[in-house]
C-alpha atoms as a PDB file:
ATOM      1  CA  UNK A   1      26.354 -29.419 -38.454  1.00  0.00           C
ATOM      2  CA  UNK A   2      23.202 -27.124 -40.030  1.00  0.00           C
ATOM      3  CA  UNK A   3      24.397 -23.553 -40.463  1.00  0.00           C
ATOM      4  CA  UNK A   4      22.082 -22.378 -38.098  1.00  0.00           C
ATOM      5  CA  UNK A   5      24.721 -23.124 -35.533  1.00  0.00           C
ATOM      6  CA  UNK A   6      27.501 -21.277 -37.071  1.00  0.00           C
ATOM      7  CA  UNK A   7      25.267 -18.052 -37.195  1.00  0.00           C
ATOM      8  CA  UNK A   8      24.996 -18.448 -33.679  1.00  0.00           C
ATOM      9  CA  UNK A   9      28.565 -19.567 -33.333  1.00  0.00           C
ATOM     10  CA  UNK A  10      30.528 -16.653 -34.637  1.00  0.00           C
ATOM     11  CA  UNK A  11      28.971 -14.047 -33.558  1.00  0.00           C
ATOM     12  CA  UNK A  12      29.594 -15.240 -30.432  1.00  0.00           C
ATOM     13  CA  UNK A  13      33.307 -16.088 -31.052  1.00  0.00           C
ATOM     14  CA  UNK A  14      33.113 -12.578 -31.991  1.00  0.00           C
ATOM     15  CA  UNK A  15      32.268 -10.859 -28.980  1.00  0.00           C
ATOM     16  CA  UNK A  16      35.246 -13.315 -26.833  1.00  0.00           C
ATOM     17  CA  UNK A  17      37.569 -12.076 -28.918  1.00  0.00           C
ATOM     18  CA  UNK A  18      37.100  -8.706 -28.290  1.00  0.00           C
ATOM     19  CA  UNK A  19      36.261  -8.862 -24.704  1.00  0.00           C
ATOM     20  CA  UNK A  20      39.361  -8.662 -23.504  1.00  0.00           C
ATOM     21  CA  UNK A  21      40.579  -5.227 -24.785  1.00  0.00           C
ATOM     22  CA  UNK A  22      36.763  -4.258 -24.956  1.00  0.00           C
ATOM     23  CA  UNK A  23      37.423  -0.872 -22.204  1.00  0.00           C
ATOM     24  CA  UNK A  24      40.839  -0.346 -24.149  1.00  0.00           C
ATOM     25  CA  UNK A  25      41.444   2.849 -25.164  1.00  0.00           C
ATOM     26  CA  UNK A  26      44.623   4.160 -27.183  1.00  0.00           C
ATOM     27  CA  UNK A  27      47.233   5.607 -25.279  1.00  0.00           C
ATOM     28  CA  UNK A  28      47.878   9.089 -26.502  1.00  0.00           C
ATOM     29  CA  UNK A  29      52.078   9.261 -26.612  1.00  0.00           C
ATOM     30  CA  UNK A  30      55.081  11.158 -27.926  1.00  0.00           C
ATOM     31  CA  UNK A  31      57.831   9.184 -29.495  1.00  0.00           C
ATOM     32  CA  UNK A  32      61.306  10.287 -29.096  1.00  0.00           C
ATOM     33  CA  UNK A  33      63.463   8.624 -31.627  1.00  0.00           C
ATOM     34  CA  UNK A  34      67.199   8.217 -31.196  1.00  0.00           C
ATOM     35  CA  UNK A  35      67.818  10.199 -34.371  1.00  0.00           C
ATOM     36  CA  UNK A  36      66.222  13.127 -32.766  1.00  0.00           C
ATOM     37  CA  UNK A  37      63.200  13.254 -34.509  1.00  0.00           C
ATOM     38  CA  UNK A  38      59.736  12.290 -32.771  1.00  0.00           C
ATOM     39  CA  UNK A  39      55.984  11.988 -33.640  1.00  0.00           C
ATOM     40  CA  UNK A  40      52.915  12.346 -31.703  1.00  0.00           C
ATOM     41  CA  UNK A  41      50.991   9.314 -31.457  1.00  0.00           C
ATOM     42  CA  UNK A  42      48.029   6.867 -29.983  1.00  0.00           C
ATOM     43  CA  UNK A  43      49.653   3.864 -28.745  1.00  0.00           C
ATOM     44  CA  UNK A  44      47.441   0.496 -28.605  1.00  0.00           C
ATOM     45  CA  UNK A  45      49.833  -1.679 -27.088  1.00  0.00           C
ATOM     46  CA  UNK A  46      53.689  -1.877 -25.195  1.00  0.00           C
ATOM     47  CA  UNK A  47      55.489  -4.795 -24.756  1.00  0.00           C
ATOM     48  CA  UNK A  48      59.041  -5.213 -24.069  1.00  0.00           C
ATOM     49  CA  UNK A  49      60.188  -1.970 -25.386  1.00  0.00           C
ATOM     50  CA  UNK A  50      57.930  -2.637 -28.702  1.00  0.00           C
ATOM     51  CA  UNK A  51      55.664   0.224 -29.429  1.00  0.00           C
ATOM     52  CA  UNK A  52      52.809  -0.760 -31.600  1.00  0.00           C
ATOM     53  CA  UNK A  53      50.622   2.543 -32.679  1.00  0.00           C
ATOM     54  CA  UNK A  54      48.342   4.573 -35.290  1.00  0.00           C
ATOM     55  CA  UNK A  55      49.427   7.965 -36.148  1.00  0.00           C
ATOM     56  CA  UNK A  56      45.595   9.462 -35.274  1.00  0.00           C
ATOM     57  CA  UNK A  57      42.004   8.125 -34.666  1.00  0.00           C
ATOM     58  CA  UNK A  58      41.601   7.761 -39.165  1.00  0.00           C
ATOM     59  CA  UNK A  59      44.814   6.063 -39.546  1.00  0.00           C
ATOM     60  CA  UNK A  60      44.033   2.169 -40.612  1.00  0.00           C
ATOM     61  CA  UNK A  61      47.907   1.376 -40.669  1.00  0.00           C
ATOM     62  CA  UNK A  62      49.147  -0.136 -37.486  1.00  0.00           C
ATOM     63  CA  UNK A  63      53.228   0.552 -36.904  1.00  0.00           C
ATOM     64  CA  UNK A  64      54.981  -1.138 -34.403  1.00  0.00           C
ATOM     65  CA  UNK A  65      58.427   0.463 -33.370  1.00  0.00           C
ATOM     66  CA  UNK A  66      61.287  -0.973 -30.819  1.00  0.00           C
ATOM     67  CA  UNK A  67      64.021  -0.130 -28.797  1.00  0.00           C
ATOM     68  CA  UNK A  68      66.838   0.663 -31.168  1.00  0.00           C
ATOM     69  CA  UNK A  69      65.233   3.306 -32.884  1.00  0.00           C
ATOM     70  CA  UNK A  70      63.327   4.389 -29.506  1.00  0.00           C
ATOM     71  CA  UNK A  71      65.023   6.518 -27.173  1.00  0.00           C
ATOM     72  CA  UNK A  72      61.985   7.059 -25.102  1.00  0.00           C
ATOM     73  CA  UNK A  73      57.926   7.427 -25.159  1.00  0.00           C
ATOM     74  CA  UNK A  74      56.063  10.133 -23.039  1.00  0.00           C
ATOM     75  CA  UNK A  75      52.700   9.516 -22.330  1.00  0.00           C
ATOM     76  CA  UNK A  76      50.307  12.543 -21.899  1.00  0.00           C
ATOM     77  CA  UNK A  77      47.916  12.622 -19.353  1.00  0.00           C
ATOM     78  CA  UNK A  78      44.008  11.712 -20.501  1.00  0.00           C
ATOM     79  CA  UNK A  79      41.416  13.310 -19.053  1.00  0.00           C
ATOM     80  CA  UNK A  80      39.711  10.825 -16.730  1.00  0.00           C
ATOM     81  CA  UNK A  81      43.258  10.659 -14.605  1.00  0.00           C
ATOM     82  CA  UNK A  82      43.141  14.641 -14.580  1.00  0.00           C
ATOM     83  CA  UNK A  83      39.138  14.250 -13.254  1.00  0.00           C
ATOM     84  CA  UNK A  84      40.248  11.454 -10.540  1.00  0.00           C
ATOM     85  CA  UNK A  85      43.658  12.936  -9.604  1.00  0.00           C
ATOM     86  CA  UNK A  86      40.892  16.623  -8.910  1.00  0.00           C
ATOM     87  CA  UNK A  87      39.010  14.461  -6.840  1.00  0.00           C
ATOM     88  CA  UNK A  88      41.823  12.851  -4.793  1.00  0.00           C
ATOM     89  CA  UNK A  89      42.743  16.415  -3.788  1.00  0.00           C
ATOM     90  CA  UNK A  90      39.540  16.851  -2.913  1.00  0.00           C
ATOM     91  CA  UNK A  91      39.699  14.355  -0.549  1.00  0.00           C
ATOM     92  CA  UNK A  92      36.763  12.868  -2.331  1.00  0.00           C
ATOM     93  CA  UNK A  93      38.587   9.026  -2.392  1.00  0.00           C
ATOM     94  CA  UNK A  94      35.300   7.068  -2.826  1.00  0.00           C
ATOM     95  CA  UNK A  95      34.607   8.736  -6.126  1.00  0.00           C
ATOM     96  CA  UNK A  96      38.589   8.994  -7.215  1.00  0.00           C
ATOM     97  CA  UNK A  97      39.261   5.308  -6.598  1.00  0.00           C
ATOM     98  CA  UNK A  98      36.312   4.522  -9.222  1.00  0.00           C
ATOM     99  CA  UNK A  99      37.808   6.597 -11.683  1.00  0.00           C
ATOM    100  CA  UNK A 100      41.525   5.576 -11.264  1.00  0.00           C
ATOM    101  CA  UNK A 101      39.769   2.062 -11.915  1.00  0.00           C
ATOM    102  CA  UNK A 102      38.273   3.151 -14.999  1.00  0.00           C
ATOM    103  CA  UNK A 103      41.732   4.474 -16.020  1.00  0.00           C
ATOM    104  CA  UNK A 104      43.789   1.863 -14.999  1.00  0.00           C
ATOM    105  CA  UNK A 105      41.127  -0.831 -17.184  1.00  0.00           C
ATOM    106  CA  UNK A 106      41.165   1.347 -20.042  1.00  0.00           C
ATOM    107  CA  UNK A 107      45.025   1.303 -20.245  1.00  0.00           C
ATOM    108  CA  UNK A 108      46.291  -1.833 -19.832  1.00  0.00           C
ATOM    109  CA  UNK A 109      47.358  -3.134 -22.755  1.00  0.00           C
ATOM    110  CA  UNK A 110      50.821  -0.909 -21.731  1.00  0.00           C
ATOM    111  CA  UNK A 111      50.455  -0.569 -17.926  1.00  0.00           C
ATOM    112  CA  UNK A 112      54.648  -2.229 -18.445  1.00  0.00           C
ATOM    113  CA  UNK A 113      55.368   1.088 -20.528  1.00  0.00           C
ATOM    114  CA  UNK A 114      57.275   3.056 -17.843  1.00  0.00           C
ATOM    115  CA  UNK A 115      55.036   6.096 -16.377  1.00  0.00           C
ATOM    116  CA  UNK A 116      52.130   5.191 -18.422  1.00  0.00           C
ATOM    117  CA  UNK A 117      48.393   6.044 -17.036  1.00  0.00           C
ATOM    118  CA  UNK A 118      47.619   2.422 -16.500  1.00  0.00           C
ATOM    119  CA  UNK A 119      49.617   1.750 -13.510  1.00  0.00           C
ATOM    120  CA  UNK A 120      49.761   5.258 -11.727  1.00  0.00           C
ATOM    121  CA  UNK A 121      46.056   5.073 -12.017  1.00  0.00           C
ATOM    122  CA  UNK A 122      46.459   1.489 -10.396  1.00  0.00           C
ATOM    123  CA  UNK A 123      49.137   3.146  -7.697  1.00  0.00           C
ATOM    124  CA  UNK A 124      46.305   6.192  -6.844  1.00  0.00           C
ATOM    125  CA  UNK A 125      43.504   3.392  -6.173  1.00  0.00           C
ATOM    126  CA  UNK A 126      46.201   2.068  -3.908  1.00  0.00           C
ATOM    127  CA  UNK A 127      46.667   5.031  -2.155  1.00  0.00           C
ATOM    128  CA  UNK A 128      42.671   6.254  -2.096  1.00  0.00           C
ATOM    129  CA  UNK A 129      42.139   2.899   0.174  1.00  0.00           C
ATOM    130  CA  UNK A 130      44.771   4.004   2.225  1.00  0.00           C
ATOM    131  CA  UNK A 131      43.462   7.713   2.850  1.00  0.00           C
ATOM    132  CA  UNK A 132      39.918   5.618   3.401  1.00  0.00           C
ATOM    133  CA  UNK A 133      41.488   4.018   5.970  1.00  0.00           C
ATOM    134  CA  UNK A 134      40.578   0.609   3.942  1.00  0.00           C
ATOM    135  CA  UNK A 135      43.369  -1.851   4.774  1.00  0.00           C
ATOM    136  CA  UNK A 136      41.877  -4.898   3.915  1.00  0.00           C
ATOM    137  CA  UNK A 137      40.767  -3.035   0.662  1.00  0.00           C
ATOM    138  CA  UNK A 138      44.419  -2.240   0.846  1.00  0.00           C
ATOM    139  CA  UNK A 139      46.132  -5.355   1.223  1.00  0.00           C
ATOM    140  CA  UNK A 140      43.922  -7.231  -1.260  1.00  0.00           C
ATOM    141  CA  UNK A 141      45.112  -4.895  -3.867  1.00  0.00           C
ATOM    142  CA  UNK A 142      48.054  -4.942  -2.948  1.00  0.00           C
ATOM    143  CA  UNK A 143      48.837  -7.927  -3.874  1.00  0.00           C
ATOM    144  CA  UNK A 144      48.051  -8.316  -7.639  1.00  0.00           C
ATOM    145  CA  UNK A 145      49.145  -4.399  -8.317  1.00  0.00           C
ATOM    146  CA  UNK A 146      51.795  -4.734 -10.876  1.00  0.00           C
ATOM    147  CA  UNK A 147      54.563  -1.457 -10.199  1.00  0.00           C
ATOM    148  CA  UNK A 148      56.813  -2.584 -13.118  1.00  0.00           C
ATOM    149  CA  UNK A 149      55.743   1.045 -14.803  1.00  0.00           C
ATOM    150  CA  UNK A 150      56.658   2.789 -11.953  1.00  0.00           C
ATOM    151  CA  UNK A 151      59.612   4.875 -11.935  1.00  0.00           C
ATOM    152  CA  UNK A 152      59.590   7.718  -9.847  1.00  0.00           C
ATOM    153  CA  UNK A 153      61.613   7.120  -6.397  1.00  0.00           C
ATOM    154  CA  UNK A 154      58.295   8.418  -4.308  1.00  0.00           C
ATOM    155  CA  UNK A 155      56.027   6.076  -5.732  1.00  0.00           C
ATOM    156  CA  UNK A 156      58.398   2.868  -4.800  1.00  0.00           C
ATOM    157  CA  UNK A 157      59.231   3.852  -1.498  1.00  0.00           C
ATOM    158  CA  UNK A 158      55.413   4.395  -0.526  1.00  0.00           C
ATOM    159  CA  UNK A 159      54.861   0.677  -2.041  1.00  0.00           C
ATOM    160  CA  UNK A 160      57.902  -0.132   0.650  1.00  0.00           C
ATOM    161  CA  UNK A 161      55.569   1.980   3.484  1.00  0.00           C
ATOM    162  CA  UNK A 162      52.886  -0.400   2.911  1.00  0.00           C
ATOM    163  CA  UNK A 163      54.224  -2.529   5.193  1.00  0.00           C
ATOM    164  CA  UNK A 164      53.115  -0.486   8.467  1.00  0.00           C
ATOM    165  CA  UNK A 165      49.713  -0.098   7.061  1.00  0.00           C
ATOM    166  CA  UNK A 166      50.058  -4.759   6.653  1.00  0.00           C
ATOM    167  CA  UNK A 167      51.029  -4.608  10.239  1.00  0.00           C
ATOM    168  CA  UNK A 168      48.804  -1.658  11.390  1.00  0.00           C
ATOM    169  CA  UNK A 169      45.775  -3.638   9.323  1.00  0.00           C
ATOM    170  CA  UNK A 170      46.963  -7.152  11.703  1.00  0.00           C
ATOM    171  CA  UNK A 171      48.028  -5.170  14.445  1.00  0.00           C
ATOM    172  CA  UNK A 172      51.347  -6.244  15.306  1.00  0.00           C
ATOM    173  CA  UNK A 173      52.545  -3.361  17.265  1.00  0.00           C
ATOM    174  CA  UNK A 174      55.942  -4.827  18.671  1.00  0.00           C
ATOM    175  CA  UNK A 175      56.816  -5.647  14.534  1.00  0.00           C
ATOM    176  CA  UNK A 176      55.304  -1.813  14.218  1.00  0.00           C
ATOM    177  CA  UNK A 177      57.728  -0.366  16.409  1.00  0.00           C
ATOM    178  CA  UNK A 178      60.757  -2.312  15.025  1.00  0.00           C
ATOM    179  CA  UNK A 179      59.471  -0.811  11.643  1.00  0.00           C
ATOM    180  CA  UNK A 180      59.996   2.028  12.578  1.00  0.00           C
ATOM    181  CA  UNK A 181      63.510   2.089  14.484  1.00  0.00           C
ATOM    182  CA  UNK A 182      64.789   1.126  10.774  1.00  0.00           C
ATOM    183  CA  UNK A 183      63.091   3.798   9.035  1.00  0.00           C
ATOM    184  CA  UNK A 184      64.727   6.859  11.510  1.00  0.00           C
ATOM    185  CA  UNK A 185      67.420   8.003   8.709  1.00  0.00           C
ATOM    186  CA  UNK A 186      65.580   6.407   5.586  1.00  0.00           C
ATOM    187  CA  UNK A 187      64.898  10.113   3.685  1.00  0.00           C
ATOM    188  CA  UNK A 188      61.547   9.806   3.047  1.00  0.00           C
ATOM    189  CA  UNK A 189      58.703  12.852   1.902  1.00  0.00           C
ATOM    190  CA  UNK A 190      56.642  14.222   4.710  1.00  0.00           C
ATOM    191  CA  UNK A 191      53.623  12.348   3.912  1.00  0.00           C
ATOM    192  CA  UNK A 192      55.332   9.118   4.149  1.00  0.00           C
ATOM    193  CA  UNK A 193      56.921  10.310   7.232  1.00  0.00           C
ATOM    194  CA  UNK A 194      53.330  11.387   8.503  1.00  0.00           C
ATOM    195  CA  UNK A 195      52.191   7.484   7.865  1.00  0.00           C
ATOM    196  CA  UNK A 196      55.023   6.179   9.411  1.00  0.00           C
ATOM    197  CA  UNK A 197      55.184   8.079  12.608  1.00  0.00           C
ATOM    198  CA  UNK A 198      51.201   8.022  13.066  1.00  0.00           C
ATOM    199  CA  UNK A 199      51.223   3.621  12.565  1.00  0.00           C
ATOM    200  CA  UNK A 200      53.873   3.765  15.310  1.00  0.00           C
ATOM    201  CA  UNK A 201      51.831   5.966  17.345  1.00  0.00           C
ATOM    202  CA  UNK A 202      48.777   3.295  17.330  1.00  0.00           C
ATOM    203  CA  UNK A 203      51.537   1.091  17.908  1.00  0.00           C
ATOM    204  CA  UNK A 204      53.725   2.909  21.205  1.00  0.00           C
ATOM    205  CA  UNK A 205      49.793   3.703  22.262  1.00  0.00           C
ATOM    206  CA  UNK A 206      48.755   0.192  22.222  1.00  0.00           C
ATOM    207  CA  UNK A 207      52.761  -1.406  23.979  1.00  0.00           C
ATOM    208  CA  UNK A 208      51.762   1.850  26.791  1.00  0.00           C
ATOM    209  CA  UNK A 209      49.255  -0.103  28.293  1.00  0.00           C
ATOM    210  CA  UNK A 210      51.444  -2.956  29.525  1.00  0.00           C
ATOM    211  CA  UNK A 211      54.206  -0.236  29.880  1.00  0.00           C
ATOM    212  CA  UNK A 212      52.803   3.010  30.996  1.00  0.00           C
ATOM    213  CA  UNK A 213      56.384   4.669  30.317  1.00  0.00           C
ATOM    214  CA  UNK A 214      56.485   3.847  26.463  1.00  0.00           C
ATOM    215  CA  UNK A 215      53.072   6.999  26.716  1.00  0.00           C
ATOM    216  CA  UNK A 216      55.754   9.485  26.619  1.00  0.00           C
ATOM    217  CA  UNK A 217      56.978   8.056  23.053  1.00  0.00           C
ATOM    218  CA  UNK A 218      52.781   7.588  21.470  1.00  0.00           C
ATOM    219  CA  UNK A 219      52.652  11.967  22.557  1.00  0.00           C
ATOM    220  CA  UNK A 220      55.893  12.808  20.889  1.00  0.00           C
ATOM    221  CA  UNK A 221      55.098  10.338  18.118  1.00  0.00           C
ATOM    222  CA  UNK A 222      51.739  11.753  17.673  1.00  0.00           C
ATOM    223  CA  UNK A 223      53.158  15.019  17.517  1.00  0.00           C
ATOM    224  CA  UNK A 224      55.444  13.994  15.158  1.00  0.00           C
ATOM    225  CA  UNK A 225      52.763  13.166  12.229  1.00  0.00           C
ATOM    226  CA  UNK A 226      51.600  17.110  12.466  1.00  0.00           C
ATOM    227  CA  UNK A 227      54.816  18.043  12.333  1.00  0.00           C
ATOM    228  CA  UNK A 228      56.263  16.374   9.381  1.00  0.00           C
ATOM    229  CA  UNK A 229      53.079  17.190   6.797  1.00  0.00           C
ATOM    230  CA  UNK A 230      50.332  19.941   8.591  1.00  0.00           C
ATOM    231  CA  UNK A 231      48.815  20.135   5.638  1.00  0.00           C
ATOM    232  CA  UNK A 232      48.858  17.230   2.938  1.00  0.00           C
ATOM    233  CA  UNK A 233      48.059  14.519   5.066  1.00  0.00           C
ATOM    234  CA  UNK A 234      44.724  15.879   6.493  1.00  0.00           C
ATOM    235  CA  UNK A 235      43.573  11.764   8.254  1.00  0.00           C
ATOM    236  CA  UNK A 236      46.358  11.410   9.654  1.00  0.00           C
ATOM    237  CA  UNK A 237      46.454  14.808  11.274  1.00  0.00           C
ATOM    238  CA  UNK A 238      43.154  15.347  12.689  1.00  0.00           C
ATOM    239  CA  UNK A 239      43.580  11.171  13.804  1.00  0.00           C
ATOM    240  CA  UNK A 240      46.668  12.551  15.394  1.00  0.00           C
ATOM    241  CA  UNK A 241      45.122  15.628  17.267  1.00  0.00           C
ATOM    242  CA  UNK A 242      42.388  13.247  18.316  1.00  0.00           C
ATOM    243  CA  UNK A 243      44.965  11.068  19.840  1.00  0.00           C
ATOM    244  CA  UNK A 244      47.019  13.030  21.853  1.00  0.00           C
ATOM    245  CA  UNK A 245      43.821  14.564  23.456  1.00  0.00           C
ATOM    246  CA  UNK A 246      42.435  11.048  24.327  1.00  0.00           C
ATOM    247  CA  UNK A 247      45.298  10.929  26.251  1.00  0.00           C
ATOM    248  CA  UNK A 248      45.209  13.613  27.948  1.00  0.00           C
ATOM    249  CA  UNK A 249      41.564  13.213  28.371  1.00  0.00           C
ATOM    250  CA  UNK A 250      42.568   9.370  30.331  1.00  0.00           C
ATOM    251  CA  UNK A 251      45.393  11.225  32.335  1.00  0.00           C
ATOM    252  CA  UNK A 252      44.059  10.458  35.992  1.00  0.00           C
ATOM    253  CA  UNK A 253      46.112  13.632  36.986  1.00  0.00           C
ATOM    254  CA  UNK A 254      44.244  15.852  34.369  1.00  0.00           C
ATOM    255  CA  UNK A 255      40.921  15.285  35.944  1.00  0.00           C
ATOM    256  CA  UNK A 256      42.501  16.043  39.390  1.00  0.00           C
ATOM    257  CA  UNK A 257      44.361  19.485  37.592  1.00  0.00           C
ATOM    258  CA  UNK A 258      40.377  20.467  36.614  1.00  0.00           C
ATOM    259  CA  UNK A 259      39.543  20.195  39.908  1.00  0.00           C
ATOM    260  CA  UNK A 260      41.842  21.864  41.972  1.00  0.00           C
ATOM    261  CA  UNK A 261      42.458  24.645  38.724  1.00  0.00           C
ATOM    262  CA  UNK A 262      42.698  27.664  40.581  1.00  0.00           C
ATOM    263  CA  UNK A 263      42.716  26.912  44.229  1.00  0.00           C
ATOM    264  CA  UNK A 264      45.173  26.892  46.915  1.00  0.00           C
ATOM    265  CA  UNK A 265      45.708  22.554  45.719  1.00  0.00           C
ATOM    266  CA  UNK A 266      46.762  24.169  43.013  1.00  0.00           C
ATOM    267  CA  UNK A 267      50.090  22.417  41.404  1.00  0.00           C
ATOM    268  CA  UNK A 268      51.217  24.308  38.975  1.00  0.00           C
ATOM    269  CA  UNK A 269      54.305  21.207  38.574  1.00  0.00           C
ATOM    270  CA  UNK A 270      52.327  18.115  38.289  1.00  0.00           C
ATOM    271  CA  UNK A 271      52.351  16.028  34.714  1.00  0.00           C
ATOM    272  CA  UNK A 272      48.744  16.702  35.013  1.00  0.00           C
ATOM    273  CA  UNK A 273      48.765  20.465  35.100  1.00  0.00           C
ATOM    274  CA  UNK A 274      50.939  20.183  32.006  1.00  0.00           C
ATOM    275  CA  UNK A 275      48.963  17.772  30.128  1.00  0.00           C
ATOM    276  CA  UNK A 276      46.170  20.365  30.438  1.00  0.00           C
ATOM    277  CA  UNK A 277      47.778  23.168  29.548  1.00  0.00           C
ATOM    278  CA  UNK A 278      48.648  21.357  26.707  1.00  0.00           C
ATOM    279  CA  UNK A 279      45.436  19.810  25.434  1.00  0.00           C
ATOM    280  CA  UNK A 280      44.694  23.223  25.805  1.00  0.00           C
ATOM    281  CA  UNK A 281      47.059  24.401  22.859  1.00  0.00           C
ATOM    282  CA  UNK A 282      46.111  21.438  21.098  1.00  0.00           C
ATOM    283  CA  UNK A 283      42.309  22.394  20.214  1.00  0.00           C
ATOM    284  CA  UNK A 284      43.684  25.550  19.932  1.00  0.00           C
ATOM    285  CA  UNK A 285      45.974  25.004  17.438  1.00  0.00           C
ATOM    286  CA  UNK A 286      43.121  22.507  15.884  1.00  0.00           C
ATOM    287  CA  UNK A 287      40.545  25.255  15.551  1.00  0.00           C
ATOM    288  CA  UNK A 288      43.258  28.042  14.027  1.00  0.00           C
ATOM    289  CA  UNK A 289      43.727  25.116  11.606  1.00  0.00           C
ATOM    290  CA  UNK A 290      40.474  25.503  10.459  1.00  0.00           C
ATOM    291  CA  UNK A 291      40.145  21.183  10.937  1.00  0.00           C
ATOM    292  CA  UNK A 292      37.018  21.600  12.457  1.00  0.00           C
ATOM    293  CA  UNK A 293      35.553  22.095   8.579  1.00  0.00           C
ATOM    294  CA  UNK A 294      36.446  18.495   7.638  1.00  0.00           C
ATOM    295  CA  UNK A 295      36.085  16.885  11.338  1.00  0.00           C
ATOM    296  CA  UNK A 296      34.170  18.356  14.626  1.00  0.00           C
ATOM    297  CA  UNK A 297      36.498  18.587  17.220  1.00  0.00           C
ATOM    298  CA  UNK A 298      35.101  15.764  19.519  1.00  0.00           C
ATOM    299  CA  UNK A 299      32.715  16.930  22.195  1.00  0.00           C
ATOM    300  CA  UNK A 300      34.817  15.139  25.159  1.00  0.00           C
ATOM    301  CA  UNK A 301      37.677  17.398  24.406  1.00  0.00           C
ATOM    302  CA  UNK A 302      35.897  21.015  24.296  1.00  0.00           C
ATOM    303  CA  UNK A 303      36.493  21.189  27.864  1.00  0.00           C
ATOM    304  CA  UNK A 304      39.691  22.155  27.278  1.00  0.00           C
ATOM    305  CA  UNK A 305      39.711  25.158  25.575  1.00  0.00           C
ATOM    306  CA  UNK A 306      38.318  26.739  28.954  1.00  0.00           C
ATOM    307  CA  UNK A 307      42.141  26.297  30.529  1.00  0.00           C
ATOM    308  CA  UNK A 308      44.295  28.642  29.616  1.00  0.00           C
ATOM    309  CA  UNK A 309      48.625  28.479  30.300  1.00  0.00           C
ATOM    310  CA  UNK A 310      48.311  31.048  33.326  1.00  0.00           C
ATOM    311  CA  UNK A 311      51.287  34.269  33.400  1.00  0.00           C
ATOM    312  CA  UNK A 312      54.294  32.163  35.223  1.00  0.00           C
ATOM    313  CA  UNK A 313      54.609  35.832  36.791  1.00  0.00           C
ATOM    314  CA  UNK A 314      51.608  35.436  38.453  1.00  0.00           C
ATOM    315  CA  UNK A 315      51.199  33.144  40.999  1.00  0.00           C
ATOM    316  CA  UNK A 316      48.252  30.255  42.096  1.00  0.00           C
ATOM    317  CA  UNK A 317      45.773  31.896  44.011  1.00  0.00           C
ATOM    318  CA  UNK A 318      46.208  30.985  47.671  1.00  0.00           C
ATOM    319  CA  UNK A 319      44.005  31.254  50.954  1.00  0.00           C
ATOM    320  CA  UNK A 320      41.904  34.206  51.959  1.00  0.00           C
ATOM    321  CA  UNK A 321      42.810  35.940  54.907  1.00  0.00           C
ATOM    322  CA  UNK A 322      40.468  37.556  57.195  1.00  0.00           C
ATOM    323  CA  UNK A 323      40.467  41.643  57.470  1.00  0.00           C
ATOM    324  CA  UNK A 324      41.882  43.401  60.178  1.00  0.00           C
ATOM    325  CA  UNK A 325      39.066  45.055  60.610  1.00  0.00           C
ATOM    326  CA  UNK A 326      36.433  42.189  60.506  1.00  0.00           C
ATOM    327  CA  UNK A 327      35.130  40.392  63.617  1.00  0.00           C
ATOM    328  CA  UNK A 328      35.893  37.705  65.276  1.00  0.00           C
ATOM    329  CA  UNK A 329      33.153  35.152  65.108  1.00  0.00           C
ATOM    330  CA  UNK A 330      30.878  33.922  67.854  1.00  0.00           C
ATOM    331  CA  UNK A 331      33.420  31.470  68.504  1.00  0.00           C
ATOM    332  CA  UNK A 332      36.641  32.984  68.369  1.00  0.00           C
ATOM    333  CA  UNK A 333      38.037  35.086  71.742  1.00  0.00           C
ATOM    334  CA  UNK A 334      38.169  38.239  71.524  1.00  0.00           C
ATOM    335  CA  UNK A 335      41.646  39.756  70.522  1.00  0.00           C
ATOM    336  CA  UNK A 336      43.931  40.575  73.660  1.00  0.00           C
ATOM    337  CA  UNK A 337      44.152  44.269  72.349  1.00  0.00           C
ATOM    338  CA  UNK A 338      40.034  44.120  72.376  1.00  0.00           C
ATOM    339  CA  UNK A 339      38.064  45.155  75.807  1.00  0.00           C
ATOM    340  CA  UNK A 340      34.880  43.108  76.221  1.00  0.00           C
ATOM    341  CA  UNK A 341      31.810  45.124  74.833  1.00  0.00           C
ATOM    342  CA  UNK A 342      30.424  45.354  78.938  1.00  0.00           C
ATOM    343  CA  UNK A 343      33.943  46.900  80.107  1.00  0.00           C
ATOM    344  CA  UNK A 344      33.124  49.336  77.027  1.00  0.00           C
ATOM    345  CA  UNK A 345      30.077  50.616  78.576  1.00  0.00           C
ATOM    346  CA  UNK A 346      30.976  51.048  81.980  1.00  0.00           C
ATOM    347  CA  UNK A 347      33.661  52.909  80.601  1.00  0.00           C
ATOM    348  CA  UNK A 348      30.569  55.418  78.086  1.00  0.00           C
ATOM    349  CA  UNK A 349      29.133  55.674  81.773  1.00  0.00           C
ATOM    350  CA  UNK A 350      31.737  56.788  83.790  1.00  0.00           C
END
């Protein structure tokens, strides 16, 4: 075998060896020792409680310490994760997802450590999919997600709640209804309650196509989305508003209430009239809350602004009565107390 072959082979082998960690970075962390001291280090890897680290970027020596000496490892938040979270909080989910993916890859050597930023980045990458409504990506990436590094109860519970989004992706409305009933008494965050209510509302709206009696349940459940997390779950809240208004808009009694508005045929006790008043309140709330800055209210629902709730002490308009001094129409008979015009003229000539 000639020397030239080895000249090509050796660099290739070196690249193959380096490739798995090509994008990995050393994670800044504080090691807390059982004896009470601590070290600020750069963690190279974490596996089964053993930490391999360097004391600084210039240090050549690598040190390995295990659970017999360590009490905890506290990771400092890296810049790339901070940037990703800023994008996430700014609702720039596509950009945030890219940053989280970079962070997840960079910190993969420590992704089994508690509260490491590789796993946290992977979790928020899933959340970006959910908030963008990309349920196929959420389902696919969730299968590969390793949750070992997560320790916070809300994060672990969120992984359970993804079952609602998977049922929604599959349009399994009956399963969604059963899931929601099973979670009624479980303690969850406002965001999680909004997610459950939103998925359940969609299920109930579809179930109501066969069983109209469930439509009221759908309306009440969508309202739970709004009250559960009014400011944070922005996408779900604006969607819930539009679903509620869509139900009102499609209800035949609302069209009748609009036609008879402020006429003698107006029926303030009808369901359609009540829905129309509620729709008016909803569009006003949507505008006052500033949601139109990020999502314009659908044009079909703009008409609801016109139908303000009337003063409860004011009765609906009745049909107008003819005034006492008005003359009768041509085909009406003169009133008994009135004499014919001919008789009046005769009296004047006398």
